[in-house]
PDB file of N, CA and C in Angstrom:
ATOM      1  N   MET A   1       0.837  -1.179   0.000  1.00  0.00           N
ATOM      2  CA  MET A   1       0.000   0.000   0.000  1.00  0.00           C
ATOM      3  C   MET A   1       0.883   1.245   0.000  1.00  0.00           C
ATOM      4  N   ALA A   2       0.603   2.188  -0.861  1.00  0.00           N
ATOM      5  CA  ALA A   2       1.402   3.404  -0.980  1.00  0.00           C
ATOM      6  C   ALA A   2       1.046   4.406   0.107  1.00  0.00           C
ATOM      7  N   LYS A   3       2.039   5.162   0.509  1.00  0.00           N
ATOM      8  CA  LYS A   3       1.837   6.211   1.511  1.00  0.00           C
ATOM      9  C   LYS A   3       2.033   7.562   0.856  1.00  0.00           C
ATOM     10  N   ASN A   4       1.507   8.606   1.484  1.00  0.00           N
ATOM     11  CA  ASN A   4       1.574   9.954   0.930  1.00  0.00           C
ATOM     12  C   ASN A   4       2.875  10.647   1.307  1.00  0.00           C
ATOM     13  N   ASN A   5       3.361  11.486   0.395  1.00  0.00           N
ATOM     14  CA  ASN A   5       4.460  12.427   0.616  1.00  0.00           C
ATOM     15  C   ASN A   5       5.646  11.856   1.385  1.00  0.00           C
ATOM     16  N   LYS A   6       6.374  10.975   0.776  1.00  0.00           N
ATOM     17  CA  LYS A   6       7.580  10.426   1.385  1.00  0.00           C
ATOM     18  C   LYS A   6       8.778  11.291   1.054  1.00  0.00           C
ATOM     19  N   THR A   7       9.666  11.452   2.022  1.00  0.00           N
ATOM     20  CA  THR A   7      10.968  12.047   1.772  1.00  0.00           C
ATOM     21  C   THR A   7      12.007  11.019   2.187  1.00  0.00           C
ATOM     22  N   VAL A   8      12.867  10.680   1.269  1.00  0.00           N
ATOM     23  CA  VAL A   8      13.932   9.712   1.514  1.00  0.00           C
ATOM     24  C   VAL A   8      15.252  10.454   1.380  1.00  0.00           C
ATOM     25  N   HIS A   9      16.106  10.327   2.391  1.00  0.00           N
ATOM     26  CA  HIS A   9      17.417  10.970   2.376  1.00  0.00           C
ATOM     27  C   HIS A   9      18.476   9.933   2.037  1.00  0.00           C
ATOM     28  N   VAL A  10      19.312  10.268   1.074  1.00  0.00           N
ATOM     29  CA  VAL A  10      20.461   9.432   0.719  1.00  0.00           C
ATOM     30  C   VAL A  10      21.678  10.151   1.289  1.00  0.00           C
ATOM     31  N   VAL A  11      22.354   9.515   2.248  1.00  0.00           N
ATOM     32  CA  VAL A  11      23.456  10.168   2.947  1.00  0.00           C
ATOM     33  C   VAL A  11      24.748   9.378   2.771  1.00  0.00           C
ATOM     34  N   GLN A  12      25.843  10.124   2.704  1.00  0.00           N
ATOM     35  CA  GLN A  12      27.161   9.509   2.575  1.00  0.00           C
ATOM     36  C   GLN A  12      27.682   9.137   3.954  1.00  0.00           C
ATOM     37  N   LEU A  13      28.176   7.914   4.068  1.00  0.00           N
ATOM     38  CA  LEU A  13      28.793   7.431   5.301  1.00  0.00           C
ATOM     39  C   LEU A  13      30.295   7.344   5.073  1.00  0.00           C
ATOM     40  N   GLU A  14      31.033   6.991   6.113  1.00  0.00           N
ATOM     41  CA  GLU A  14      32.479   6.826   5.943  1.00  0.00           C
ATOM     42  C   GLU A  14      32.807   5.727   4.944  1.00  0.00           C
ATOM     43  N   HIS A  15      32.055   4.635   4.992  1.00  0.00           N
ATOM     44  CA  HIS A  15      32.319   3.490   4.124  1.00  0.00           C
ATOM     45  C   HIS A  15      31.059   3.093   3.383  1.00  0.00           C
ATOM     46  N   GLY A  16      30.550   3.985   2.546  1.00  0.00           N
ATOM     47  CA  GLY A  16      29.374   3.649   1.759  1.00  0.00           C
ATOM     48  C   GLY A  16      28.305   4.719   1.830  1.00  0.00           C
ATOM     49  N   TRP A  17      27.088   4.305   1.532  1.00  0.00           N
ATOM     50  CA  TRP A  17      25.943   5.207   1.489  1.00  0.00           C
ATOM     51  C   TRP A  17      24.768   4.559   2.203  1.00  0.00           C
ATOM     52  N   ALA A  18      23.833   5.382   2.672  1.00  0.00           N
ATOM     53  CA  ALA A  18      22.640   4.872   3.346  1.00  0.00           C
ATOM     54  C   ALA A  18      21.429   5.661   2.884  1.00  0.00           C
ATOM     55  N   ILE A  19      20.276   5.003   2.931  1.00  0.00           N
ATOM     56  CA  ILE A  19      19.030   5.732   2.735  1.00  0.00           C
ATOM     57  C   ILE A  19      18.304   5.720   4.071  1.00  0.00           C
ATOM     58  N   ARG A  20      17.761   6.879   4.421  1.00  0.00           N
ATOM     59  CA  ARG A  20      17.048   7.029   5.686  1.00  0.00           C
ATOM     60  C   ARG A  20      15.640   7.500   5.386  1.00  0.00           C
ATOM     61  N   ARG A  21      14.689   6.797   5.981  1.00  0.00           N
ATOM     62  CA  ARG A  21      13.286   7.100   5.749  1.00  0.00           C
ATOM     63  C   ARG A  21      12.616   7.538   7.031  1.00  0.00           C
ATOM     64  N   GLU A  22      11.398   8.037   6.885  1.00  0.00           N
ATOM     65  CA  GLU A  22      10.602   8.423   8.044  1.00  0.00           C
ATOM     66  C   GLU A  22      10.406   7.197   8.942  1.00  0.00           C
ATOM     67  N   GLY A  23      10.399   7.410  10.225  1.00  0.00           N
ATOM     68  CA  GLY A  23      10.226   6.309  11.157  1.00  0.00           C
ATOM     69  C   GLY A  23      11.531   5.647  11.545  1.00  0.00           C
ATOM     70  N   GLY A  24      12.671   6.218  11.132  1.00  0.00           N
ATOM     71  CA  GLY A  24      13.963   5.695  11.542  1.00  0.00           C
ATOM     72  C   GLY A  24      14.460   4.510  10.745  1.00  0.00           C
ATOM     73  N   LYS A  25      13.776   4.137   9.675  1.00  0.00           N
ATOM     74  CA  LYS A  25      14.222   3.010   8.862  1.00  0.00           C
ATOM     75  C   LYS A  25      15.452   3.420   8.068  1.00  0.00           C
ATOM     76  N   GLU A  26      16.467   2.546   8.062  1.00  0.00           N
ATOM     77  CA  GLU A  26      17.708   2.846   7.350  1.00  0.00           C
ATOM     78  C   GLU A  26      18.213   1.599   6.653  1.00  0.00           C
ATOM     79  N   SER A  27      18.722   1.779   5.453  1.00  0.00           N
ATOM     80  CA  SER A  27      19.355   0.701   4.703  1.00  0.00           C
ATOM     81  C   SER A  27      20.701   1.210   4.206  1.00  0.00           C
ATOM     82  N   THR A  28      21.719   0.355   4.225  1.00  0.00           N
ATOM     83  CA  THR A  28      23.049   0.776   3.784  1.00  0.00           C
ATOM     84  C   THR A  28      23.402   0.098   2.456  1.00  0.00           C
ATOM     85  N   PHE A  29      24.248   0.794   1.682  1.00  0.00           N
ATOM     86  CA  PHE A  29      24.658   0.329   0.368  1.00  0.00           C
ATOM     87  C   PHE A  29      26.144   0.626   0.194  1.00  0.00           C
ATOM     88  N   SER A  30      26.797  -0.161  -0.647  1.00  0.00           N
ATOM     89  CA  SER A  30      28.224   0.051  -0.865  1.00  0.00           C
ATOM     90  C   SER A  30      28.487   1.178  -1.857  1.00  0.00           C
ATOM     91  N   THR A  31      27.534   1.440  -2.757  1.00  0.00           N
ATOM     92  CA  THR A  31      27.743   2.488  -3.752  1.00  0.00           C
ATOM     93  C   THR A  31      26.627   3.518  -3.709  1.00  0.00           C
ATOM     94  N   LYS A  32      26.959   4.709  -4.161  1.00  0.00           N
ATOM     95  CA  LYS A  32      25.991   5.801  -4.258  1.00  0.00           C
ATOM     96  C   LYS A  32      24.883   5.434  -5.247  1.00  0.00           C
ATOM     97  N   ALA A  33      25.255   4.827  -6.368  1.00  0.00           N
ATOM     98  CA  ALA A  33      24.277   4.467  -7.398  1.00  0.00           C
ATOM     99  C   ALA A  33      23.233   3.494  -6.863  1.00  0.00           C
ATOM    100  N   ASP A  34      23.664   2.505  -6.072  1.00  0.00           N
ATOM    101  CA  ASP A  34      22.714   1.546  -5.496  1.00  0.00           C
ATOM    102  C   ASP A  34      21.767   2.229  -4.525  1.00  0.00           C
ATOM    103  N   ALA A  35      22.292   3.148  -3.720  1.00  0.00           N
ATOM    104  CA  ALA A  35      21.451   3.863  -2.751  1.00  0.00           C
ATOM    105  C   ALA A  35      20.430   4.741  -3.466  1.00  0.00           C
ATOM    106  N   ILE A  36      20.854   5.435  -4.514  1.00  0.00           N
ATOM    107  CA  ILE A  36      19.927   6.297  -5.259  1.00  0.00           C
ATOM    108  C   ILE A  36      18.871   5.454  -5.961  1.00  0.00           C
ATOM    109  N   LYS A  37      19.260   4.318  -6.502  1.00  0.00           N
ATOM    110  CA  LYS A  37      18.303   3.432  -7.171  1.00  0.00           C
ATOM    111  C   LYS A  37      17.231   2.958  -6.187  1.00  0.00           C
ATOM    112  N   ALA A  38      17.642   2.574  -4.971  1.00  0.00           N
ATOM    113  CA  ALA A  38      16.692   2.128  -3.960  1.00  0.00           C
ATOM    114  C   ALA A  38      15.782   3.277  -3.507  1.00  0.00           C
ATOM    115  N   ALA A  39      16.356   4.469  -3.311  1.00  0.00           N
ATOM    116  CA  ALA A  39      15.565   5.631  -2.906  1.00  0.00           C
ATOM    117  C   ALA A  39      14.548   5.996  -3.980  1.00  0.00           C
ATOM    118  N   SER A  40      14.988   5.949  -5.231  1.00  0.00           N
ATOM    119  CA  SER A  40      14.091   6.254  -6.344  1.00  0.00           C
ATOM    120  C   SER A  40      12.926   5.265  -6.391  1.00  0.00           C
ATOM    121  N   HIS A  41      13.213   4.003  -6.169  1.00  0.00           N
ATOM    122  CA  HIS A  41      12.162   2.979  -6.165  1.00  0.00           C
ATOM    123  C   HIS A  41      11.147   3.234  -5.043  1.00  0.00           C
ATOM    124  N   ILE A  42      11.632   3.576  -3.859  1.00  0.00           N
ATOM    125  CA  ILE A  42      10.742   3.850  -2.728  1.00  0.00           C
ATOM    126  C   ILE A  42       9.825   5.032  -3.035  1.00  0.00           C
ATOM    127  N   VAL A  43      10.398   6.092  -3.597  1.00  0.00           N
ATOM    128  CA  VAL A  43       9.616   7.295  -3.898  1.00  0.00           C
ATOM    129  C   VAL A  43       8.603   7.020  -5.009  1.00  0.00           C
ATOM    130  N   ARG A  44       9.005   6.275  -6.036  1.00  0.00           N
ATOM    131  CA  ARG A  44       8.073   5.959  -7.129  1.00  0.00           C
ATOM    132  C   ARG A  44       6.909   5.101  -6.653  1.00  0.00           C
ATOM    133  N   GLU A  45       7.128   4.260  -5.648  1.00  0.00           N
ATOM    134  CA  GLU A  45       6.066   3.399  -5.124  1.00  0.00           C
ATOM    135  C   GLU A  45       5.076   4.165  -4.246  1.00  0.00           C
ATOM    136  N   SER A  46       5.455   5.349  -3.783  1.00  0.00           N
ATOM    137  CA  SER A  46       4.556   6.147  -2.953  1.00  0.00           C
ATOM    138  C   SER A  46       3.667   7.008  -3.843  1.00  0.00           C
ATOM    139  N   VAL A  47       2.638   7.595  -3.258  1.00  0.00           N
ATOM    140  CA  VAL A  47       1.737   8.466  -4.001  1.00  0.00           C
ATOM    141  C   VAL A  47       2.494   9.681  -4.501  1.00  0.00           C
ATOM    142  N   SER A  48       3.296  10.296  -3.654  1.00  0.00           N
ATOM    143  CA  SER A  48       4.153  11.413  -4.037  1.00  0.00           C
ATOM    144  C   SER A  48       5.298  11.478  -3.048  1.00  0.00           C
ATOM    145  N   GLY A  49       6.382  12.100  -3.452  1.00  0.00           N
ATOM    146  CA  GLY A  49       7.513  12.215  -2.543  1.00  0.00           C
ATOM    147  C   GLY A  49       8.740  12.754  -3.236  1.00  0.00           C
ATOM    148  N   GLN A  50       9.858  12.632  -2.546  1.00  0.00           N
ATOM    149  CA  GLN A  50      11.124  13.127  -3.071  1.00  0.00           C
ATOM    150  C   GLN A  50      12.264  12.360  -2.431  1.00  0.00           C
ATOM    151  N   TYR A  51      13.395  12.365  -3.119  1.00  0.00           N
ATOM    152  CA  TYR A  51      14.610  11.901  -2.455  1.00  0.00           C
ATOM    153  C   TYR A  51      15.655  12.983  -2.595  1.00  0.00           C
ATOM    154  N   VAL A  52      16.464  13.089  -1.534  1.00  0.00           N
ATOM    155  CA  VAL A  52      17.480  14.121  -1.439  1.00  0.00           C
ATOM    156  C   VAL A  52      18.809  13.428  -1.166  1.00  0.00           C
ATOM    157  N   VAL A  53      19.819  13.733  -1.986  1.00  0.00           N
ATOM    158  CA  VAL A  53      21.156  13.167  -1.805  1.00  0.00           C
ATOM    159  C   VAL A  53      21.993  14.210  -1.075  1.00  0.00           C
ATOM    160  N   LEU A  54      22.542  13.814   0.086  1.00  0.00           N
ATOM    161  CA  LEU A  54      23.329  14.721   0.927  1.00  0.00           C
ATOM    162  C   LEU A  54      24.746  14.205   1.097  1.00  0.00           C
ATOM    163  N   ARG A  55      25.707  15.131   1.155  1.00  0.00           N
ATOM    164  CA  ARG A  55      27.080  14.757   1.500  1.00  0.00           C
ATOM    165  C   ARG A  55      27.187  14.667   3.017  1.00  0.00           C
ATOM    166  N   GLN A  56      28.351  14.236   3.503  1.00  0.00           N
ATOM    167  CA  GLN A  56      28.550  14.119   4.945  1.00  0.00           C
ATOM    168  C   GLN A  56      28.405  15.449   5.653  1.00  0.00           C
ATOM    169  N   ASP A  57      28.767  16.554   4.991  1.00  0.00           N
ATOM    170  CA  ASP A  57      28.651  17.866   5.618  1.00  0.00           C
ATOM    171  C   ASP A  57      27.244  18.451   5.514  1.00  0.00           C
ATOM    172  N   GLY A  58      26.316  17.717   4.892  1.00  0.00           N
ATOM    173  CA  GLY A  58      24.933  18.169   4.800  1.00  0.00           C
ATOM    174  C   GLY A  58      24.596  18.921   3.540  1.00  0.00           C
ATOM    175  N   GLN A  59      25.567  19.157   2.670  1.00  0.00           N
ATOM    176  CA  GLN A  59      25.296  19.872   1.426  1.00  0.00           C
ATOM    177  C   GLN A  59      24.455  18.993   0.503  1.00  0.00           C
ATOM    178  N   ILE A  60      23.453  19.608  -0.101  1.00  0.00           N
ATOM    179  CA  ILE A  60      22.567  18.886  -1.007  1.00  0.00           C
ATOM    180  C   ILE A  60      23.267  18.717  -2.345  1.00  0.00           C
ATOM    181  N   LEU A  61      23.447  17.458  -2.753  1.00  0.00           N
ATOM    182  CA  LEU A  61      24.055  17.176  -4.045  1.00  0.00           C
ATOM    183  C   LEU A  61      23.000  17.094  -5.144  1.00  0.00           C
ATOM    184  N   LYS A  62      21.839  16.547  -4.796  1.00  0.00           N
ATOM    185  CA  LYS A  62      20.802  16.315  -5.793  1.00  0.00           C
ATOM    186  C   LYS A  62      19.473  16.129  -5.074  1.00  0.00           C
ATOM    187  N   HIS A  63      18.388  16.580  -5.698  1.00  0.00           N
ATOM    188  CA  HIS A  63      17.063  16.261  -5.185  1.00  0.00           C
ATOM    189  C   HIS A  63      16.136  16.000  -6.356  1.00  0.00           C
ATOM    190  N   VAL A  64      15.285  14.996  -6.193  1.00  0.00           N
ATOM    191  CA  VAL A  64      14.364  14.591  -7.246  1.00  0.00           C
ATOM    192  C   VAL A  64      12.987  14.450  -6.625  1.00  0.00           C
ATOM    193  N   THR A  65      11.996  15.066  -7.264  1.00  0.00           N
ATOM    194  CA  THR A  65      10.625  14.967  -6.774  1.00  0.00           C
ATOM    195  C   THR A  65       9.814  14.059  -7.682  1.00  0.00           C
ATOM    196  N   HIS A  66       8.798  13.453  -7.110  1.00  0.00           N
ATOM    197  CA  HIS A  66       7.897  12.572  -7.849  1.00  0.00           C
ATOM    198  C   HIS A  66       6.471  12.963  -7.493  1.00  0.00           C
ATOM    199  N   ARG A  67       5.748  13.464  -8.477  1.00  0.00           N
ATOM    200  CA  ARG A  67       4.362  13.903  -8.306  1.00  0.00           C
ATOM    201  C   ARG A  67       4.204  15.002  -7.266  1.00  0.00           C
ATOM    202  N   LEU A  68       5.189  15.861  -7.161  1.00  0.00           N
ATOM    203  CA  LEU A  68       5.122  17.045  -6.312  1.00  0.00           C
ATOM    204  C   LEU A  68       5.380  18.259  -7.196  1.00  0.00           C
ATOM    205  N   PRO A  69       4.882  19.447  -6.805  1.00  0.00           N
ATOM    206  CA  PRO A  69       5.164  20.632  -7.613  1.00  0.00           C
ATOM    207  C   PRO A  69       6.660  20.947  -7.608  1.00  0.00           C
ATOM    208  N   LYS A  70       7.160  21.414  -8.738  1.00  0.00           N
ATOM    209  CA  LYS A  70       8.560  21.783  -8.855  1.00  0.00           C
ATOM    210  C   LYS A  70       8.828  23.055  -8.062  1.00  0.00           C
ATOM    211  N   VAL A  71       9.934  23.076  -7.340  1.00  0.00           N
ATOM    212  CA  VAL A  71      10.347  24.259  -6.601  1.00  0.00           C
ATOM    213  C   VAL A  71      11.280  25.046  -7.510  1.00  0.00           C
ATOM    214  N   GLN A  72      10.993  26.318  -7.687  1.00  0.00           N
ATOM    215  CA  GLN A  72      11.796  27.139  -8.582  1.00  0.00           C
ATOM    216  C   GLN A  72      12.469  28.252  -7.808  1.00  0.00           C
ATOM    217  N   ASP A  73      13.636  28.667  -8.282  1.00  0.00           N
ATOM    218  CA  ASP A  73      14.328  29.808  -7.694  1.00  0.00           C
ATOM    219  C   ASP A  73      13.546  31.075  -8.011  1.00  0.00           C
ATOM    220  N   PRO A  74      13.490  32.042  -7.085  1.00  0.00           N
ATOM    221  CA  PRO A  74      12.813  33.302  -7.395  1.00  0.00           C
ATOM    222  C   PRO A  74      13.570  34.053  -8.489  1.00  0.00           C
ATOM    223  N   PRO A  75      12.869  34.887  -9.274  1.00  0.00           N
ATOM    224  CA  PRO A  75      13.544  35.626 -10.344  1.00  0.00           C
ATOM    225  C   PRO A  75      14.677  36.492  -9.801  1.00  0.00           C
ATOM    226  N   GLY A  76      15.796  36.512 -10.499  1.00  0.00           N
ATOM    227  CA  GLY A  76      16.925  37.340 -10.097  1.00  0.00           C
ATOM    228  C   GLY A  76      17.755  36.770  -8.963  1.00  0.00           C
ATOM    229  N   LYS A  77      17.382  35.645  -8.438  1.00  0.00           N
ATOM    230  CA  LYS A  77      18.104  35.063  -7.304  1.00  0.00           C
ATOM    231  C   LYS A  77      18.703  33.701  -7.660  1.00  0.00           C
ATOM    232  N   ARG A  78      18.801  33.381  -8.899  1.00  0.00           N
ATOM    233  CA  ARG A  78      19.295  32.061  -9.304  1.00  0.00           C
ATOM    234  C   ARG A  78      20.720  31.833  -8.798  1.00  0.00           C
ATOM    235  N   GLY A  79      20.902  30.697  -8.167  1.00  0.00           N
ATOM    236  CA  GLY A  79      22.218  30.328  -7.662  1.00  0.00           C
ATOM    237  C   GLY A  79      22.590  30.989  -6.349  1.00  0.00           C
ATOM    238  N   GLY A  80      21.763  31.877  -5.837  1.00  0.00           N
ATOM    239  CA  GLY A  80      22.093  32.591  -4.621  1.00  0.00           C
ATOM    240  C   GLY A  80      21.561  31.949  -3.360  1.00  0.00           C
ATOM    241  N   ASN A  81      21.069  30.733  -3.452  1.00  0.00           N
ATOM    242  CA  ASN A  81      20.465  30.109  -2.286  1.00  0.00           C
ATOM    243  C   ASN A  81      21.312  28.982  -1.707  1.00  0.00           C
ATOM    244  N   LYS A  82      22.634  28.997  -1.918  1.00  0.00           N
ATOM    245  CA  LYS A  82      23.513  27.952  -1.389  1.00  0.00           C
ATOM    246  C   LYS A  82      23.494  27.914   0.139  1.00  0.00           C
ATOM    247  N   ASN A  83      23.447  29.075   0.789  1.00  0.00           N
ATOM    248  CA  ASN A  83      23.415  29.096   2.252  1.00  0.00           C
ATOM    249  C   ASN A  83      22.147  28.437   2.771  1.00  0.00           C
ATOM    250  N   ILE A  84      21.039  28.685   2.114  1.00  0.00           N
ATOM    251  CA  ILE A  84      19.778  28.063   2.522  1.00  0.00           C
ATOM    252  C   ILE A  84      19.838  26.563   2.294  1.00  0.00           C
ATOM    253  N   GLN A  85      20.369  26.130   1.153  1.00  0.00           N
ATOM    254  CA  GLN A  85      20.496  24.701   0.880  1.00  0.00           C
ATOM    255  C   GLN A  85      21.396  24.025   1.905  1.00  0.00           C
ATOM    256  N   ASN A  86      22.513  24.649   2.242  1.00  0.00           N
ATOM    257  CA  ASN A  86      23.425  24.063   3.227  1.00  0.00           C
ATOM    258  C   ASN A  86      22.776  23.975   4.597  1.00  0.00           C
ATOM    259  N   ALA A  87      22.058  25.025   4.998  1.00  0.00           N
ATOM    260  CA  ALA A  87      21.382  25.013   6.297  1.00  0.00           C
ATOM    261  C   ALA A  87      20.300  23.939   6.330  1.00  0.00           C
ATOM    262  N   ALA A  88      19.546  23.806   5.235  1.00  0.00           N
ATOM    263  CA  ALA A  88      18.501  22.784   5.176  1.00  0.00           C
ATOM    264  C   ALA A  88      19.110  21.389   5.228  1.00  0.00           C
ATOM    265  N   GLY A  89      20.229  21.195   4.570  1.00  0.00           N
ATOM    266  CA  GLY A  89      20.904  19.900   4.602  1.00  0.00           C
ATOM    267  C   GLY A  89      21.410  19.553   5.990  1.00  0.00           C
ATOM    268  N   ARG A  90      22.013  20.536   6.672  1.00  0.00           N
ATOM    269  CA  ARG A  90      22.495  20.288   8.037  1.00  0.00           C
ATOM    270  C   ARG A  90      21.332  19.971   8.967  1.00  0.00           C
ATOM    271  N   LEU A  91      20.217  20.694   8.817  1.00  0.00           N
ATOM    272  CA  LEU A  91      19.045  20.447   9.649  1.00  0.00           C
ATOM    273  C   LEU A  91      18.490  19.048   9.404  1.00  0.00           C
ATOM    274  N   ALA A  92      18.450  18.641   8.136  1.00  0.00           N
ATOM    275  CA  ALA A  92      17.967  17.293   7.817  1.00  0.00           C
ATOM    276  C   ALA A  92      18.848  16.237   8.469  1.00  0.00           C
ATOM    277  N   LEU A  93      20.165  16.413   8.394  1.00  0.00           N
ATOM    278  CA  LEU A  93      21.069  15.439   9.015  1.00  0.00           C
ATOM    279  C   LEU A  93      20.921  15.421  10.528  1.00  0.00           C
ATOM    280  N   GLU A  94      20.731  16.590  11.140  1.00  0.00           N
ATOM    281  CA  GLU A  94      20.526  16.642  12.592  1.00  0.00           C
ATOM    282  C   GLU A  94      19.280  15.864  12.976  1.00  0.00           C
ATOM    283  N   ARG A  95      18.204  16.093  12.244  1.00  0.00           N
ATOM    284  CA  ARG A  95      16.939  15.419  12.562  1.00  0.00           C
ATOM    285  C   ARG A  95      17.000  13.926  12.304  1.00  0.00           C
ATOM    286  N   LEU A  96      17.856  13.511  11.374  1.00  0.00           N
ATOM    287  CA  LEU A  96      18.026  12.092  11.112  1.00  0.00           C
ATOM    288  C   LEU A  96      18.994  11.447  12.094  1.00  0.00           C
ATOM    289  N   GLY A  97      19.654  12.273  12.903  1.00  0.00           N
ATOM    290  CA  GLY A  97      20.574  11.733  13.902  1.00  0.00           C
ATOM    291  C   GLY A  97      21.956  11.447  13.369  1.00  0.00           C
ATOM    292  N   ALA A  98      22.284  11.907  12.181  1.00  0.00           N
ATOM    293  CA  ALA A  98      23.594  11.634  11.604  1.00  0.00           C
ATOM    294  C   ALA A  98      24.653  12.575  12.163  1.00  0.00           C
ATOM    295  N   VAL A  99      24.242  13.778  12.506  1.00  0.00           N
ATOM    296  CA  VAL A  99      25.175  14.783  13.026  1.00  0.00           C
ATOM    297  C   VAL A  99      24.599  15.310  14.341  1.00  0.00           C
ATOM    298  N   PRO A 100      25.386  15.321  15.409  1.00  0.00           N
ATOM    299  CA  PRO A 100      24.847  15.859  16.657  1.00  0.00           C
ATOM    300  C   PRO A 100      24.488  17.317  16.505  1.00  0.00           C
ATOM    301  N   ALA A 101      23.369  17.680  17.048  1.00  0.00           N
ATOM    302  CA  ALA A 101      22.912  19.060  16.983  1.00  0.00           C
ATOM    303  C   ALA A 101      23.822  19.951  17.827  1.00  0.00           C
ATOM    304  N   PRO A 102      24.183  21.135  17.322  1.00  0.00           N
ATOM    305  CA  PRO A 102      25.014  22.037  18.110  1.00  0.00           C
ATOM    306  C   PRO A 102      24.233  22.555  19.312  1.00  0.00           C
ATOM    307  N   PRO A 103      24.925  22.851  20.414  1.00  0.00           N
ATOM    308  CA  PRO A 103      24.208  23.340  21.598  1.00  0.00           C
ATOM    309  C   PRO A 103      23.556  24.688  21.292  1.00  0.00           C
ATOM    310  N   ARG A 104      22.367  24.838  21.805  1.00  0.00           N
ATOM    311  CA  ARG A 104      21.635  26.079  21.571  1.00  0.00           C
ATOM    312  C   ARG A 104      21.693  26.950  22.811  1.00  0.00           C
ATOM    313  N   ALA A 105      21.920  28.218  22.578  1.00  0.00           N
ATOM    314  CA  ALA A 105      22.058  29.155  23.698  1.00  0.00           C
ATOM    315  C   ALA A 105      20.715  29.615  24.196  1.00  0.00           C
TER     316      ALA A 105
END
């Protein structure tokens, strides 16, 4: 049975790659291509969703949506959102438990 709006994170590990899903489910792979293939399959089987490929530092390498509206850069701001992408990637990794959250003042 398909579920609505899945987000699957593909993250780089020291020795391979992993996909992390909602609910704490994780699968590991030896290659990036295998992890992306598995993430793509999971997203295609859902009603709608996306997969996001992240480096160890949280930078977004790639994101693919399936049956979701395309997100576009605002006019005149193309390429200027790297800080936002990096912050979103770090936040995603923190929430997935891959990177300890920095202490908050």
